[in-house]
Amino acid sequence: MFTHQPFRGSTIRRRADVQRTAIVREPDTLSSRFGLAAGRGLFRLALLAVWAAVMTIWLLAYVPILGAVVALAVLLGAMQGIAGFLAVLAVALAAGVTWWWSHGASFDRLIASRVFRFGRRIRYRSGFADLMASAGLQARDASARLVVPRLLWCRLGLHADLLTVQLCPGVTREDLEERTDELRSEFRALDVRVLAHRRRGWVWLRVICADTLMEPTAPPSSAHAVDLEALPLGRREDGSPWRLRLLGRHVLMAGASGSGKSSMVAGLLVALAPAIREGLVRVIGIDPKGGMEFGMYAELFHLLAADSDEHLVVGLEAAAALTAQRTRELRSRTRQHVPTTAEPFYVVLVDEVASLTTYIADRGLRSRAQAALGQLLTKGRAPGVSVVGCVQDPRKEVVDLRGLFTTRVGLRMTEKTEVAMVLGDGARDRGARCDQISALTPGIGYVVDDEDQTLTKVRSVYVDDEQMRWLARTYPSPTREDIGAVIPVQRDEPTPRRKAKTGAAKEASESKEDSS
């Protein structure tokens, strides 16, 4: 009967600690020795020929155009002889060179890239077990068999491949994450990341083979339907669109000066612009830089606070009061707000969170800002209020609020320790090397979502100043509210503390009470 154990991983050695020696009687004559060696060589050559034939047929099936050319050449060769075979190959070669010279993109997509992908498949399959063993990803079972994770399937892409790997007993996902450098070197890839699989005991290996983030992405040039659960913000490392879920989420963007935070915010406004003009989305802007960031496209904002620290805090408190009011209105009706023009979705954009939580000199204003921001982050998701905050130095007190941001984006940073402050412990070990991002490529960063903890490298769209001015003129907010007309949240005055009576005053008070 078969047991369950042999189907977990690949057995690469039966006895790791015992070397079995086969005793073979030496042949007596030179001819018998030569015959034995020749037989072994012919057997290996036959196996190699069979393997090459199978791979060739597989390659021709994987590249249909190349397979059709070879099939036509074989057919004409059978009918016209070797002349017909060579004629078809010569015509196909000339046509291929002309095609590559005139339309290189389509030739690469249909011919060259598929051939290269097939070569990567052979590289993955041929030495995967040896790679696992040499990287230390191995275990030994009760029968002293040495087992390693098993490669099940390869899904090849134009810029990235996805390998499905079955873990063996004793090897975990964390073990693979610690050995990604060895895998990247052997696969000759730019990066390798370990992703969680929906099936327990399996993982995905995402192998990045080409850098698709060197060139910035242009924003959409026409009106588009707005999906708050999939806002197009740029491109992922595998070439697919990067879509950000904003509904029911809070987003933190952290990075050094010039890392691309403003460009990412501009891309977010481009994605929201049609919904802003329809009144489905209202944006509240908090700009501690006095309007240098948001003042250029102020028409997009329902409320913009930028002139003073008092205005910044009042803007945050207005958003917090709106959240509390909407929570009371939706009580016992629903657990998740659905945006409509009557009850729109609110986005609170904070250009520099640390300016509100750390750099405000007035202690009272700073406490009010921290309280309002905490209320927004803890209560705003369900009633339809999302906070998008930017921070330059994650070492400030804003790090205490990091756990309340459900989606975090780490752009270029100056130190390794800052990666863990923003993206969480172990993020850099899993591939988030924010400190190695070049200053010449702003907008590149790593995204982590609390829902699945998947790490993805992305690059945001690039929007210049003229495009933002045009966007503000074309998609203005239908409602505008002046920050000066916003009434600050009223607070109860603290009751003055009464000093304890001591000495003569206490005796006089007691005698007065006795006489009464």
Protein backbone atom coordinates (compact mmCIF):
# COMPACT_ATOMS: atom_id res chain seq x y z
CA MET A 1 0.00 0.00 0.00
CA PHE A 2 1.08 3.53 -0.71
CA THR A 3 1.72 5.78 2.23
CA HIS A 4 1.14 9.53 2.38
CA GLN A 5 4.77 10.35 3.05
CA PRO A 6 6.31 9.78 -0.43
CA PHE A 7 3.96 12.38 -1.94
CA ARG A 8 5.33 15.19 0.24
CA GLY A 9 8.42 16.65 -1.41
CA SER A 10 11.04 14.97 -3.60
CA THR A 11 13.30 12.24 -2.23
CA ILE A 12 16.84 12.90 -3.40
CA ARG A 13 18.70 10.35 -1.26
CA ARG A 14 17.57 7.16 0.41
CA ARG A 15 20.26 6.98 3.07
CA ALA A 16 22.09 10.21 3.75
CA ASP A 17 24.46 8.77 6.33
CA VAL A 18 25.28 5.45 4.70
CA GLN A 19 27.15 5.10 1.40
CA ARG A 20 26.08 1.90 -0.28
CA THR A 21 28.84 0.27 -2.28
CA ALA A 22 28.05 -2.03 -5.13
CA ILE A 23 30.66 -4.78 -5.58
CA VAL A 24 31.23 -5.35 -9.29
CA ARG A 25 33.59 -8.00 -10.59
CA GLU A 26 36.16 -6.47 -12.85
CA PRO A 27 36.08 -7.79 -16.39
CA ASP A 28 38.99 -9.94 -17.33
CA THR A 29 39.63 -8.57 -20.84
CA LEU A 30 40.04 -5.13 -22.36
CA SER A 31 37.29 -5.78 -24.89
CA SER A 32 34.74 -6.54 -22.19
CA ARG A 33 35.66 -3.34 -20.38
CA PHE A 34 35.29 -1.34 -23.56
CA GLY A 35 31.97 -2.98 -24.32
CA LEU A 36 30.61 -2.16 -20.86
CA ALA A 37 31.65 1.51 -21.13
CA ALA A 38 30.25 1.76 -24.65
CA GLY A 39 26.95 0.29 -23.54
CA ARG A 40 26.63 2.79 -20.74
CA GLY A 41 27.49 5.65 -23.08
CA LEU A 42 24.99 4.56 -25.69
CA PHE A 43 22.30 4.24 -23.04
CA ARG A 44 22.96 7.78 -21.77
CA LEU A 45 23.05 9.07 -25.34
CA ALA A 46 19.71 7.41 -26.04
CA LEU A 47 18.19 9.02 -22.95
CA LEU A 48 19.57 12.40 -23.99
CA ALA A 49 18.16 11.96 -27.50
CA VAL A 50 14.72 11.08 -26.14
CA TRP A 51 14.81 14.06 -23.78
CA ALA A 52 15.90 16.40 -26.61
CA ALA A 53 13.12 15.09 -28.87
CA VAL A 54 10.48 15.62 -26.18
CA MET A 55 11.75 19.14 -25.45
CA THR A 56 11.80 20.00 -29.16
CA ILE A 57 8.21 18.87 -29.65
CA TRP A 58 7.20 20.79 -26.52
CA LEU A 59 8.97 23.93 -27.77
CA LEU A 60 7.28 23.73 -31.18
CA ALA A 61 3.91 23.36 -29.46
CA TYR A 62 4.67 26.28 -27.10
CA VAL A 63 5.66 28.56 -30.02
CA PRO A 64 2.89 27.83 -32.58
CA ILE A 65 4.37 29.94 -35.40
CA LEU A 66 7.70 28.17 -35.13
CA GLY A 67 5.92 24.82 -34.99
CA ALA A 68 3.91 25.62 -38.12
CA VAL A 69 7.09 26.54 -40.04
CA VAL A 70 8.84 23.32 -39.03
CA ALA A 71 5.78 21.22 -39.89
CA LEU A 72 5.56 22.85 -43.33
CA ALA A 73 9.28 22.27 -43.92
CA VAL A 74 8.98 18.59 -42.97
CA LEU A 75 5.93 18.17 -45.21
CA LEU A 76 7.61 19.71 -48.26
CA GLY A 77 10.76 17.79 -47.49
CA ALA A 78 8.79 14.57 -47.63
CA MET A 79 7.19 15.60 -50.94
CA GLN A 80 10.03 17.44 -52.73
CA GLY A 81 13.08 16.10 -50.97
CA ILE A 82 15.82 17.99 -49.20
CA ALA A 83 15.51 20.92 -51.61
CA GLY A 84 11.97 21.67 -50.52
CA PHE A 85 12.94 21.39 -46.85
CA LEU A 86 15.84 23.85 -47.23
CA ALA A 87 13.73 26.22 -49.35
CA VAL A 88 11.08 26.52 -46.64
CA LEU A 89 13.73 27.14 -43.98
CA ALA A 90 15.43 29.84 -46.09
CA VAL A 91 12.15 31.64 -46.78
CA ALA A 92 11.16 31.41 -43.09
CA LEU A 93 14.55 32.76 -42.02
CA ALA A 94 14.31 35.73 -44.40
CA ALA A 95 10.74 36.46 -43.31
CA GLY A 96 11.73 36.26 -39.66
CA VAL A 97 14.60 38.71 -40.08
CA THR A 98 12.34 41.13 -41.99
CA TRP A 99 9.65 40.79 -39.32
CA TRP A 100 12.14 41.43 -36.52
CA TRP A 101 13.57 44.48 -38.34
CA SER A 102 10.23 46.13 -39.16
CA HIS A 103 8.01 45.12 -36.20
CA GLY A 104 10.32 44.14 -33.38
CA ALA A 105 7.67 44.41 -30.65
CA SER A 106 5.32 41.85 -32.17
CA PHE A 107 8.22 39.53 -33.06
CA ASP A 108 9.42 39.64 -29.48
CA ARG A 109 5.93 39.02 -28.12
CA LEU A 110 5.11 36.06 -30.39
CA ILE A 111 8.49 34.43 -31.03
CA ALA A 112 11.52 35.58 -29.02
CA SER A 113 9.87 36.01 -25.62
CA ARG A 114 8.16 32.62 -25.83
CA VAL A 115 11.45 30.92 -26.69
CA PHE A 116 13.15 32.62 -23.72
CA ARG A 117 10.29 31.64 -21.44
CA PHE A 118 10.60 28.03 -22.52
CA GLY A 119 14.30 28.20 -21.68
CA ARG A 120 13.43 29.47 -18.21
CA ARG A 121 11.04 26.55 -17.77
CA ILE A 122 13.86 24.08 -18.50
CA ARG A 123 16.12 25.92 -16.05
CA TYR A 124 13.49 25.71 -13.31
CA ARG A 125 12.73 22.03 -13.89
CA SER A 126 16.22 20.66 -14.48
CA GLY A 127 17.94 21.47 -11.18
CA PHE A 128 15.23 22.44 -8.73
CA ALA A 129 15.86 19.56 -6.31
CA ASP A 130 19.62 20.18 -6.31
CA LEU A 131 19.03 23.90 -5.73
CA MET A 132 16.81 23.20 -2.73
CA ALA A 133 19.39 20.86 -1.23
CA SER A 134 22.35 23.19 -1.81
CA ALA A 135 20.39 26.10 -0.28
CA GLY A 136 19.74 24.09 2.88
CA LEU A 137 16.00 23.68 2.22
CA GLN A 138 15.90 20.00 3.08
CA ALA A 139 14.69 17.69 5.79
CA ARG A 140 15.23 14.08 6.85
CA ASP A 141 12.35 11.79 7.69
CA ALA A 142 12.18 8.80 10.03
CA SER A 143 13.57 6.50 7.35
CA ALA A 144 16.63 8.73 6.95
CA ARG A 145 15.47 9.84 3.52
CA LEU A 146 16.54 13.32 2.47
CA VAL A 147 13.56 15.22 1.04
CA VAL A 148 13.26 18.71 -0.47
CA PRO A 149 10.32 20.88 -1.63
CA ARG A 150 8.84 19.81 -4.95
CA LEU A 151 8.20 22.05 -7.98
CA LEU A 152 4.68 21.28 -9.23
CA TRP A 153 3.81 23.83 -11.93
CA CYS A 154 5.39 26.74 -13.76
CA ARG A 155 3.20 29.58 -15.00
CA LEU A 156 5.36 31.68 -17.28
CA GLY A 157 4.76 35.37 -17.91
CA LEU A 158 6.27 38.04 -20.10
CA HIS A 159 8.11 39.74 -17.23
CA ALA A 160 7.60 37.41 -14.24
CA ASP A 161 7.00 33.72 -13.61
CA LEU A 162 4.93 32.05 -10.91
CA LEU A 163 6.16 28.71 -9.58
CA THR A 164 3.91 26.48 -7.48
CA VAL A 165 5.98 24.66 -4.86
CA GLN A 166 4.88 21.92 -2.46
CA LEU A 167 6.71 22.13 0.85
CA CYS A 168 8.07 19.01 2.47
CA PRO A 169 7.77 18.24 6.19
CA GLY A 170 10.28 20.30 8.13
CA VAL A 171 10.55 23.18 5.60
CA THR A 172 8.31 26.22 6.07
CA ARG A 173 7.48 29.32 4.08
CA GLU A 174 9.74 31.36 6.35
CA ASP A 175 12.67 29.09 5.44
CA LEU A 176 12.16 29.88 1.76
CA GLU A 177 11.94 33.60 2.49
CA GLU A 178 15.36 33.44 4.13
CA ARG A 179 16.87 31.76 1.04
CA THR A 180 15.50 34.04 -1.68
CA ASP A 181 18.96 35.40 -2.49
CA GLU A 182 20.19 31.91 -3.38
CA LEU A 183 17.12 31.29 -5.52
CA ARG A 184 17.49 34.63 -7.30
CA SER A 185 21.11 33.90 -8.14
CA GLU A 186 20.40 30.44 -9.51
CA PHE A 187 17.36 31.53 -11.52
CA ARG A 188 19.32 34.53 -12.91
CA ALA A 189 16.41 36.75 -11.93
CA LEU A 190 16.09 40.27 -10.60
CA ASP A 191 14.19 39.16 -7.52
CA VAL A 192 12.33 36.20 -6.02
CA ARG A 193 9.44 36.54 -3.58
CA VAL A 194 7.53 33.93 -1.60
CA LEU A 195 3.75 34.32 -1.70
CA ALA A 196 1.12 32.57 0.36
CA HIS A 197 -0.86 29.89 -1.45
CA ARG A 198 -4.54 29.24 -0.88
CA ARG A 199 -3.71 25.61 -0.15
CA ARG A 200 -1.88 24.75 3.05
CA GLY A 201 1.56 23.27 2.57
CA TRP A 202 2.03 25.00 -0.79
CA VAL A 203 3.60 28.34 -1.68
CA TRP A 204 4.10 30.45 -4.79
CA LEU A 205 7.49 31.70 -5.91
CA ARG A 206 7.24 34.88 -7.95
CA VAL A 207 10.37 35.15 -10.09
CA ILE A 208 10.94 38.65 -11.51
CA CYS A 209 12.80 38.31 -14.81
CA ALA A 210 12.62 41.84 -16.28
CA ASP A 211 12.43 45.35 -14.84
CA THR A 212 9.20 46.95 -16.02
CA LEU A 213 9.39 49.90 -13.61
CA MET A 214 12.28 51.86 -15.11
CA GLU A 215 10.00 54.02 -17.26
CA PRO A 216 7.15 55.94 -15.55
CA THR A 217 3.55 55.23 -16.44
CA ALA A 218 1.31 57.85 -18.02
CA PRO A 219 -2.01 58.58 -16.30
CA PRO A 220 -5.33 57.84 -18.06
CA SER A 221 -6.10 60.56 -20.62
CA SER A 222 -9.89 60.21 -20.71
CA ALA A 223 -12.79 59.89 -18.31
CA HIS A 224 -13.18 56.44 -16.83
CA ALA A 225 -15.47 54.62 -14.46
CA VAL A 226 -14.27 54.89 -10.88
CA ASP A 227 -14.06 51.71 -8.84
CA LEU A 228 -13.12 52.58 -5.28
CA GLU A 229 -12.00 48.98 -4.74
CA ALA A 230 -9.58 49.00 -7.70
CA LEU A 231 -8.17 52.46 -8.44
CA PRO A 232 -5.51 52.40 -11.20
CA LEU A 233 -2.40 54.02 -9.73
CA GLY A 234 0.45 52.66 -11.83
CA ARG A 235 2.15 49.42 -12.72
CA ARG A 236 3.29 46.34 -10.81
CA GLU A 237 6.65 44.66 -11.18
CA ASP A 238 5.20 41.91 -13.38
CA GLY A 239 3.85 44.46 -15.87
CA SER A 240 0.21 44.25 -14.77
CA PRO A 241 -1.72 47.36 -13.62
CA TRP A 242 -1.43 48.33 -9.98
CA ARG A 243 -4.91 48.85 -8.55
CA LEU A 244 -5.37 50.22 -5.04
CA ARG A 245 -8.39 49.48 -2.89
CA LEU A 246 -9.43 52.65 -1.08
CA LEU A 247 -12.95 51.78 0.05
CA GLY A 248 -12.73 50.65 3.67
CA ARG A 249 -8.98 51.26 3.80
CA HIS A 250 -6.51 53.77 5.24
CA VAL A 251 -3.30 54.30 3.26
CA LEU A 252 0.11 55.38 4.56
CA MET A 253 2.77 56.56 2.08
CA ALA A 254 6.27 56.86 3.55
CA GLY A 255 9.46 57.90 1.84
CA ALA A 256 12.36 60.33 1.85
CA SER A 257 12.23 63.74 0.22
CA GLY A 258 11.93 63.34 -3.56
CA SER A 259 10.86 59.69 -3.37
CA GLY A 260 7.57 60.29 -5.20
CA LYS A 261 4.92 60.83 -2.52
CA SER A 262 3.46 63.87 -4.30
CA SER A 263 3.34 61.97 -7.58
CA MET A 264 1.50 59.11 -5.92
CA VAL A 265 -1.04 61.49 -4.38
CA ALA A 266 -1.50 63.16 -7.76
CA GLY A 267 -2.11 59.76 -9.34
CA LEU A 268 -4.74 59.03 -6.70
CA LEU A 269 -6.54 62.28 -7.51
CA VAL A 270 -6.41 61.46 -11.23
CA ALA A 271 -8.09 58.11 -10.51
CA LEU A 272 -10.76 59.81 -8.34
CA ALA A 273 -11.36 62.84 -10.60
CA PRO A 274 -14.52 61.64 -12.44
CA ALA A 275 -16.13 60.64 -9.14
CA ILE A 276 -15.16 64.00 -7.63
CA ARG A 277 -16.95 65.90 -10.41
CA GLU A 278 -20.05 63.70 -10.02
CA GLY A 279 -20.15 64.37 -6.27
CA LEU A 280 -19.64 60.71 -5.41
CA VAL A 281 -16.30 61.47 -3.70
CA ARG A 282 -15.32 64.50 -1.60
CA VAL A 283 -11.71 65.21 -0.73
CA ILE A 284 -10.58 67.03 2.42
CA GLY A 285 -7.02 68.30 2.09
CA ILE A 286 -4.69 68.97 5.03
CA ASP A 287 -1.57 70.73 3.72
CA PRO A 288 0.93 71.74 6.44
CA LYS A 289 3.16 73.33 3.77
CA GLY A 290 0.81 76.30 3.44
CA GLY A 291 -0.76 75.17 0.18
CA MET A 292 2.46 74.44 -1.71
CA GLU A 293 1.29 70.89 -2.43
CA PHE A 294 -2.49 71.09 -2.81
CA GLY A 295 -2.95 74.77 -3.68
CA MET A 296 -2.17 74.19 -7.37
CA TYR A 297 -5.30 72.06 -7.79
CA ALA A 298 -7.47 73.39 -4.97
CA GLU A 299 -10.60 73.07 -7.13
CA LEU A 300 -10.56 69.30 -6.57
CA PHE A 301 -11.03 69.66 -2.80
CA HIS A 302 -14.28 69.95 -0.93
CA LEU A 303 -12.35 71.44 2.01
CA LEU A 304 -8.73 72.59 2.06
CA ALA A 305 -6.87 73.55 5.24
CA ALA A 306 -3.44 75.07 4.76
CA ASP A 307 -3.09 78.58 6.18
CA SER A 308 -2.26 77.94 9.85
CA ASP A 309 -1.88 75.23 12.45
CA GLU A 310 -5.31 76.12 13.80
CA HIS A 311 -6.84 75.57 10.35
CA LEU A 312 -5.07 72.23 9.98
CA VAL A 313 -6.45 70.99 13.30
CA VAL A 314 -9.91 72.37 12.57
CA GLY A 315 -9.94 70.52 9.24
CA LEU A 316 -9.07 67.24 10.95
CA GLU A 317 -11.68 67.82 13.65
CA ALA A 318 -14.31 68.58 11.00
CA ALA A 319 -13.57 65.23 9.34
CA ALA A 320 -13.71 63.49 12.74
CA ALA A 321 -17.04 65.16 13.56
CA LEU A 322 -18.39 64.08 10.17
CA THR A 323 -17.31 60.52 10.92
CA ALA A 324 -19.07 60.53 14.29
CA GLN A 325 -22.25 61.99 12.80
CA ARG A 326 -22.38 59.48 9.98
CA THR A 327 -21.74 56.64 12.44
CA ARG A 328 -24.81 57.67 14.42
CA GLU A 329 -26.88 57.91 11.23
CA LEU A 330 -25.85 54.47 9.98
CA ARG A 331 -26.37 52.81 13.35
CA SER A 332 -28.58 49.71 13.04
CA ARG A 333 -28.81 50.29 9.25
CA THR A 334 -25.61 48.82 7.81
CA ARG A 335 -22.07 47.90 8.80
CA GLN A 336 -20.42 49.32 5.66
CA HIS A 337 -21.26 52.61 4.02
CA VAL A 338 -22.16 52.55 0.30
CA PRO A 339 -21.15 55.82 -1.44
CA THR A 340 -23.87 57.83 -3.17
CA THR A 341 -24.16 61.44 -4.30
CA ALA A 342 -26.36 62.11 -1.27
CA GLU A 343 -23.90 60.43 1.09
CA PRO A 344 -20.52 60.63 -0.68
CA PHE A 345 -17.29 58.89 0.14
CA TYR A 346 -14.77 61.14 1.95
CA VAL A 347 -11.01 61.02 1.46
CA VAL A 348 -8.86 62.89 3.98
CA LEU A 349 -5.49 63.70 2.36
CA VAL A 350 -2.76 64.62 4.86
CA ASP A 351 0.44 65.76 3.18
CA GLU A 352 2.74 65.33 6.21
CA VAL A 353 1.32 63.45 9.18
CA ALA A 354 4.35 64.17 11.37
CA SER A 355 3.68 67.91 11.03
CA LEU A 356 0.42 67.41 12.90
CA THR A 357 1.53 64.85 15.47
CA THR A 358 5.02 66.16 16.23
CA TYR A 359 5.99 69.53 14.78
CA ILE A 360 3.09 71.73 16.01
CA ALA A 361 4.55 73.91 18.75
CA ASP A 362 1.27 74.45 20.61
CA ARG A 363 0.77 71.45 22.86
CA GLY A 364 -3.00 71.89 22.93
CA LEU A 365 -3.27 71.96 19.14
CA ARG A 366 -0.98 68.96 18.87
CA SER A 367 -3.11 66.96 21.30
CA ARG A 368 -6.26 67.91 19.39
CA ALA A 369 -4.68 66.83 16.10
CA GLN A 370 -3.61 63.48 17.54
CA ALA A 371 -7.06 62.87 18.97
CA ALA A 372 -8.84 63.74 15.71
CA LEU A 373 -6.47 61.63 13.62
CA GLY A 374 -6.90 58.70 16.00
CA GLN A 375 -10.68 58.95 15.73
CA LEU A 376 -10.51 58.99 11.93
CA LEU A 377 -8.23 55.97 11.77
CA THR A 378 -10.22 53.90 14.27
CA LYS A 379 -13.77 54.83 13.25
CA GLY A 380 -13.63 56.11 9.66
CA ARG A 381 -13.52 52.93 7.59
CA ALA A 382 -17.09 51.70 8.10
CA PRO A 383 -18.87 55.09 7.65
CA GLY A 384 -17.02 55.83 4.41
CA VAL A 385 -14.12 58.08 5.48
CA SER A 386 -10.61 57.03 4.43
CA VAL A 387 -7.35 58.66 5.46
CA VAL A 388 -4.42 58.88 3.04
CA GLY A 389 -1.37 60.08 4.94
CA CYS A 390 2.16 60.90 3.81
CA VAL A 391 5.19 60.88 6.07
CA GLN A 392 8.83 61.63 5.39
CA ASP A 393 10.45 60.49 8.61
CA PRO A 394 8.81 57.33 9.97
CA ARG A 395 10.86 57.52 13.17
CA LYS A 396 8.55 60.19 14.60
CA GLU A 397 5.44 59.58 16.69
CA VAL A 398 3.42 58.74 13.57
CA VAL A 399 4.91 55.25 13.80
CA ASP A 400 2.61 54.66 16.78
CA LEU A 401 -0.33 54.97 14.38
CA ARG A 402 1.18 52.65 11.77
CA GLY A 403 -0.97 49.71 12.80
CA LEU A 404 -4.14 51.68 12.07
CA PHE A 405 -3.21 52.13 8.39
CA THR A 406 -4.40 48.99 6.62
CA THR A 407 -2.40 49.61 3.42
CA ARG A 408 1.19 50.86 3.64
CA VAL A 409 3.43 52.01 0.80
CA GLY A 410 7.17 52.24 1.38
CA LEU A 411 9.01 54.44 -1.14
CA ARG A 412 12.73 55.21 -1.17
CA MET A 413 14.15 55.40 2.36
CA THR A 414 17.55 56.29 3.76
CA GLU A 415 18.05 53.53 6.32
CA LYS A 416 17.28 49.82 6.60
CA THR A 417 15.57 50.21 9.96
CA GLU A 418 12.94 52.52 8.49
CA VAL A 419 11.59 49.69 6.30
CA ALA A 420 10.40 47.74 9.33
CA MET A 421 8.92 50.90 10.88
CA VAL A 422 6.60 51.36 7.89
CA LEU A 423 6.01 47.95 6.33
CA GLY A 424 6.33 45.81 9.44
CA ASP A 425 8.87 43.44 10.95
CA GLY A 426 10.54 41.14 8.45
CA ALA A 427 9.41 43.13 5.41
CA ARG A 428 12.95 43.75 4.25
CA ASP A 429 13.84 40.08 4.61
CA ARG A 430 10.89 39.31 2.33
CA GLY A 431 12.24 41.61 -0.38
CA ALA A 432 11.20 45.18 0.50
CA ARG A 433 14.57 46.85 -0.02
CA CYS A 434 13.34 50.43 0.12
CA ASP A 435 16.79 51.67 1.11
CA GLN A 436 18.19 50.41 -2.22
CA ILE A 437 15.74 52.25 -4.49
CA SER A 438 17.56 54.70 -6.74
CA ALA A 439 16.91 58.43 -6.37
CA LEU A 440 16.59 58.56 -10.19
CA THR A 441 13.38 56.50 -10.12
CA PRO A 442 10.83 58.37 -7.97
CA GLY A 443 7.49 56.69 -7.50
CA ILE A 444 8.88 53.16 -7.04
CA GLY A 445 7.95 51.48 -3.79
CA TYR A 446 6.65 48.38 -2.05
CA VAL A 447 3.03 47.87 -0.99
CA VAL A 448 1.82 45.75 1.92
CA ASP A 449 -1.85 45.14 2.66
CA ASP A 450 -2.91 43.89 6.08
CA GLU A 451 -5.49 41.63 4.47
CA ASP A 452 -3.00 39.12 3.04
CA GLN A 453 0.45 40.60 3.88
CA THR A 454 1.49 40.21 0.23
CA LEU A 455 4.51 42.31 -0.72
CA THR A 456 4.38 43.92 -4.18
CA LYS A 457 6.79 46.27 -5.92
CA VAL A 458 5.02 49.03 -7.84
CA ARG A 459 5.58 52.36 -9.56
CA SER A 460 2.99 55.12 -9.56
CA VAL A 461 1.93 57.15 -12.57
CA TYR A 462 3.71 60.42 -13.27
CA VAL A 463 1.53 63.54 -13.46
CA ASP A 464 3.18 66.89 -14.15
CA ASP A 465 1.95 70.29 -12.93
CA GLU A 466 0.22 71.23 -16.19
CA GLN A 467 -1.78 68.00 -16.16
CA MET A 468 -2.88 68.68 -12.59
CA ARG A 469 -4.02 72.20 -13.49
CA TRP A 470 -6.01 70.81 -16.41
CA LEU A 471 -7.48 68.15 -14.11
CA ALA A 472 -8.59 70.79 -11.60
CA ARG A 473 -10.27 72.83 -14.35
CA THR A 474 -11.97 69.81 -15.91
CA TYR A 475 -13.08 67.89 -12.80
CA PRO A 476 -13.79 70.47 -10.08
CA SER A 477 -15.62 69.53 -6.93
CA PRO A 478 -19.31 70.57 -7.12
CA THR A 479 -19.28 71.47 -3.42
CA ARG A 480 -16.81 73.77 -1.70
CA GLU A 481 -16.51 74.58 1.96
CA ASP A 482 -14.38 77.37 3.39
CA ILE A 483 -12.17 76.41 6.29
CA GLY A 484 -12.86 79.77 7.91
CA ALA A 485 -16.57 78.96 8.12
CA VAL A 486 -15.99 75.65 9.86
CA ILE A 487 -16.92 75.90 13.52
CA PRO A 488 -14.29 74.28 15.76
CA VAL A 489 -15.43 71.36 17.84
CA GLN A 490 -16.60 72.66 21.21
CA ARG A 491 -15.04 71.10 24.27
CA ASP A 492 -16.09 71.20 27.88
CA GLU A 493 -13.84 73.43 29.92
CA PRO A 494 -11.89 71.43 32.49
CA THR A 495 -13.16 71.81 36.04
CA PRO A 496 -10.54 73.64 38.17
CA ARG A 497 -9.05 71.44 40.81
CA ARG A 498 -9.76 72.47 44.42
CA LYS A 499 -6.75 72.72 46.64
CA ALA A 500 -6.79 70.60 49.77
CA LYS A 501 -7.23 72.58 52.94
CA THR A 502 -4.49 72.21 55.49
CA GLY A 503 -3.57 73.68 58.88
CA ALA A 504 -5.51 76.68 60.20
CA ALA A 505 -7.79 76.88 57.16
CA LYS A 506 -8.90 73.30 57.72
CA GLU A 507 -9.60 73.93 61.45
CA ALA A 508 -11.56 77.12 60.66
CA SER A 509 -13.66 75.24 58.13
CA GLU A 510 -14.42 72.45 60.59
CA SER A 511 -15.40 74.91 63.34
CA LYS A 512 -17.67 76.71 60.88
CA GLU A 513 -19.40 73.47 60.02
CA ASP A 514 -19.84 72.62 63.75
CA SER A 515 -21.43 75.98 64.53
CA SER A 516 -23.84 75.61 61.66
